[in-house]
């Protein structure tokens, strides 16, 4: 069994954490106590999203302002039109696992 990617307490509600899992750059997002993982790469320009702002269930790209829904990966605003890849998240006690 792989080690946990994070702990619940290391990613408080309303925050994100960039985590590399098996060589894949992911962004773990805590939306009101529920965890979601998406690719940490804006589909518009290829830059990382980890410096962006989590607004409810949406992450805002820090460069051009595109919004993505972290629960589905959907691109919500221009200039992004391609959705983010998403990954299953499991929470077991305090441990958070991301399946890539």
C-alpha atoms as a PDB file:
ATOM      1  CA  UNK A   1       0.000   0.000   0.000  1.00  0.00           C
ATOM      2  CA  UNK A   2       1.439   3.399  -0.948  1.00  0.00           C
ATOM      3  CA  UNK A   3       2.055   5.971   1.775  1.00  0.00           C
ATOM      4  CA  UNK A   4      -0.537   8.700   2.326  1.00  0.00           C
ATOM      5  CA  UNK A   5      -0.183  11.789   0.133  1.00  0.00           C
ATOM      6  CA  UNK A   6      -1.113  14.098   3.013  1.00  0.00           C
ATOM      7  CA  UNK A   7      -2.934  14.261   6.310  1.00  0.00           C
ATOM      8  CA  UNK A   8      -6.307  15.867   6.873  1.00  0.00           C
ATOM      9  CA  UNK A   9      -4.785  18.459   9.198  1.00  0.00           C
ATOM     10  CA  UNK A  10      -2.055  19.438   6.699  1.00  0.00           C
ATOM     11  CA  UNK A  11      -4.683  20.752   4.244  1.00  0.00           C
ATOM     12  CA  UNK A  12      -7.268  22.753   6.233  1.00  0.00           C
ATOM     13  CA  UNK A  13     -10.679  23.584   4.692  1.00  0.00           C
ATOM     14  CA  UNK A  14     -10.405  26.258   2.008  1.00  0.00           C
ATOM     15  CA  UNK A  15      -6.765  25.485   1.190  1.00  0.00           C
ATOM     16  CA  UNK A  16      -4.768  23.478  -1.345  1.00  0.00           C
ATOM     17  CA  UNK A  17      -1.480  21.614  -1.334  1.00  0.00           C
ATOM     18  CA  UNK A  18       0.706  20.663  -4.294  1.00  0.00           C
ATOM     19  CA  UNK A  19       1.672  16.992  -4.020  1.00  0.00           C
ATOM     20  CA  UNK A  20       3.669  14.844  -6.437  1.00  0.00           C
ATOM     21  CA  UNK A  21       2.251  11.307  -6.465  1.00  0.00           C
ATOM     22  CA  UNK A  22       4.113   8.706  -8.530  1.00  0.00           C
ATOM     23  CA  UNK A  23       5.668  11.517 -10.582  1.00  0.00           C
ATOM     24  CA  UNK A  24       2.312  13.206 -11.261  1.00  0.00           C
ATOM     25  CA  UNK A  25       1.896  16.825 -10.106  1.00  0.00           C
ATOM     26  CA  UNK A  26      -1.444  17.017  -8.309  1.00  0.00           C
ATOM     27  CA  UNK A  27      -3.280  19.706  -6.389  1.00  0.00           C
ATOM     28  CA  UNK A  28      -5.110  18.436  -3.300  1.00  0.00           C
ATOM     29  CA  UNK A  29      -8.029  20.718  -2.446  1.00  0.00           C
ATOM     30  CA  UNK A  30     -10.062  20.780   0.767  1.00  0.00           C
ATOM     31  CA  UNK A  31     -13.562  22.068   0.035  1.00  0.00           C
ATOM     32  CA  UNK A  32     -15.466  22.342   3.318  1.00  0.00           C
ATOM     33  CA  UNK A  33     -13.857  19.170   4.652  1.00  0.00           C
ATOM     34  CA  UNK A  34     -14.162  17.138   1.427  1.00  0.00           C
ATOM     35  CA  UNK A  35     -10.979  16.387  -0.501  1.00  0.00           C
ATOM     36  CA  UNK A  36     -10.523  16.548  -4.279  1.00  0.00           C
ATOM     37  CA  UNK A  37      -7.414  16.118  -6.412  1.00  0.00           C
ATOM     38  CA  UNK A  38      -6.812  17.646  -9.838  1.00  0.00           C
ATOM     39  CA  UNK A  39      -3.841  18.072 -12.141  1.00  0.00           C
ATOM     40  CA  UNK A  40      -1.669  20.959 -10.976  1.00  0.00           C
ATOM     41  CA  UNK A  41      -1.415  22.297 -14.526  1.00  0.00           C
ATOM     42  CA  UNK A  42      -3.629  24.959 -16.102  1.00  0.00           C
ATOM     43  CA  UNK A  43      -5.000  23.583 -19.358  1.00  0.00           C
ATOM     44  CA  UNK A  44      -4.799  27.055 -20.915  1.00  0.00           C
ATOM     45  CA  UNK A  45      -1.090  27.792 -20.551  1.00  0.00           C
ATOM     46  CA  UNK A  46       0.489  24.813 -18.786  1.00  0.00           C
ATOM     47  CA  UNK A  47       1.431  26.751 -15.657  1.00  0.00           C
ATOM     48  CA  UNK A  48       0.900  25.426 -12.126  1.00  0.00           C
ATOM     49  CA  UNK A  49      -2.322  26.134 -10.264  1.00  0.00           C
ATOM     50  CA  UNK A  50      -0.935  25.742  -6.740  1.00  0.00           C
ATOM     51  CA  UNK A  51      -0.393  29.507  -6.402  1.00  0.00           C
ATOM     52  CA  UNK A  52      -4.007  30.126  -7.399  1.00  0.00           C
ATOM     53  CA  UNK A  53      -6.890  30.931  -5.083  1.00  0.00           C
ATOM     54  CA  UNK A  54      -9.417  28.303  -3.973  1.00  0.00           C
ATOM     55  CA  UNK A  55     -12.838  29.965  -4.036  1.00  0.00           C
ATOM     56  CA  UNK A  56     -15.347  27.448  -2.686  1.00  0.00           C
ATOM     57  CA  UNK A  57     -15.038  24.528  -5.111  1.00  0.00           C
ATOM     58  CA  UNK A  58     -13.250  26.593  -7.773  1.00  0.00           C
ATOM     59  CA  UNK A  59      -9.535  27.174  -8.283  1.00  0.00           C
ATOM     60  CA  UNK A  60      -8.486  30.382 -10.042  1.00  0.00           C
ATOM     61  CA  UNK A  61      -5.376  30.263 -12.228  1.00  0.00           C
ATOM     62  CA  UNK A  62      -2.937  32.884 -10.935  1.00  0.00           C
ATOM     63  CA  UNK A  63      -1.824  33.996 -14.410  1.00  0.00           C
ATOM     64  CA  UNK A  64      -4.892  34.566 -16.566  1.00  0.00           C
ATOM     65  CA  UNK A  65      -7.760  34.056 -14.109  1.00  0.00           C
ATOM     66  CA  UNK A  66      -9.359  30.941 -15.602  1.00  0.00           C
ATOM     67  CA  UNK A  67     -11.614  29.132 -13.138  1.00  0.00           C
ATOM     68  CA  UNK A  68     -11.869  25.353 -12.778  1.00  0.00           C
ATOM     69  CA  UNK A  69     -14.284  23.278 -10.683  1.00  0.00           C
ATOM     70  CA  UNK A  70     -12.064  21.064  -8.522  1.00  0.00           C
ATOM     71  CA  UNK A  71     -14.900  18.596  -7.899  1.00  0.00           C
ATOM     72  CA  UNK A  72     -15.246  17.767 -11.611  1.00  0.00           C
ATOM     73  CA  UNK A  73     -12.232  19.340 -13.320  1.00  0.00           C
ATOM     74  CA  UNK A  74     -14.534  21.396 -15.566  1.00  0.00           C
ATOM     75  CA  UNK A  75     -13.147  24.600 -17.109  1.00  0.00           C
ATOM     76  CA  UNK A  76     -15.630  27.275 -16.040  1.00  0.00           C
ATOM     77  CA  UNK A  77     -14.270  30.447 -17.646  1.00  0.00           C
ATOM     78  CA  UNK A  78     -12.096  31.558 -20.515  1.00  0.00           C
ATOM     79  CA  UNK A  79      -9.327  31.482 -21.440  1.00  0.00           C
ATOM     80  CA  UNK A  80      -9.445  27.798 -20.391  1.00  0.00           C
ATOM     81  CA  UNK A  81     -11.739  25.464 -22.325  1.00  0.00           C
ATOM     82  CA  UNK A  82     -10.201  22.032 -21.598  1.00  0.00           C
ATOM     83  CA  UNK A  83     -11.056  20.401 -18.236  1.00  0.00           C
ATOM     84  CA  UNK A  84      -8.445  19.430 -15.660  1.00  0.00           C
ATOM     85  CA  UNK A  85      -7.663  15.782 -15.054  1.00  0.00           C
ATOM     86  CA  UNK A  86      -9.071  14.556 -11.746  1.00  0.00           C
ATOM     87  CA  UNK A  87      -7.919  11.782  -9.427  1.00  0.00           C
ATOM     88  CA  UNK A  88      -9.810   9.681  -6.874  1.00  0.00           C
ATOM     89  CA  UNK A  89      -9.156  10.617  -3.243  1.00  0.00           C
ATOM     90  CA  UNK A  90      -9.546   8.282  -0.255  1.00  0.00           C
ATOM     91  CA  UNK A  91      -9.557   9.416   3.355  1.00  0.00           C
ATOM     92  CA  UNK A  92      -8.773   6.815   5.997  1.00  0.00           C
ATOM     93  CA  UNK A  93      -8.738   8.344   9.459  1.00  0.00           C
ATOM     94  CA  UNK A  94      -6.190  11.192   9.332  1.00  0.00           C
ATOM     95  CA  UNK A  95      -4.541   9.919   6.117  1.00  0.00           C
ATOM     96  CA  UNK A  96      -5.402  11.203   2.641  1.00  0.00           C
ATOM     97  CA  UNK A  97      -4.533   9.066  -0.386  1.00  0.00           C
ATOM     98  CA  UNK A  98      -4.569  10.175  -4.050  1.00  0.00           C
ATOM     99  CA  UNK A  99      -4.925   7.415  -6.663  1.00  0.00           C
ATOM    100  CA  UNK A 100      -3.127   8.433  -9.870  1.00  0.00           C
END
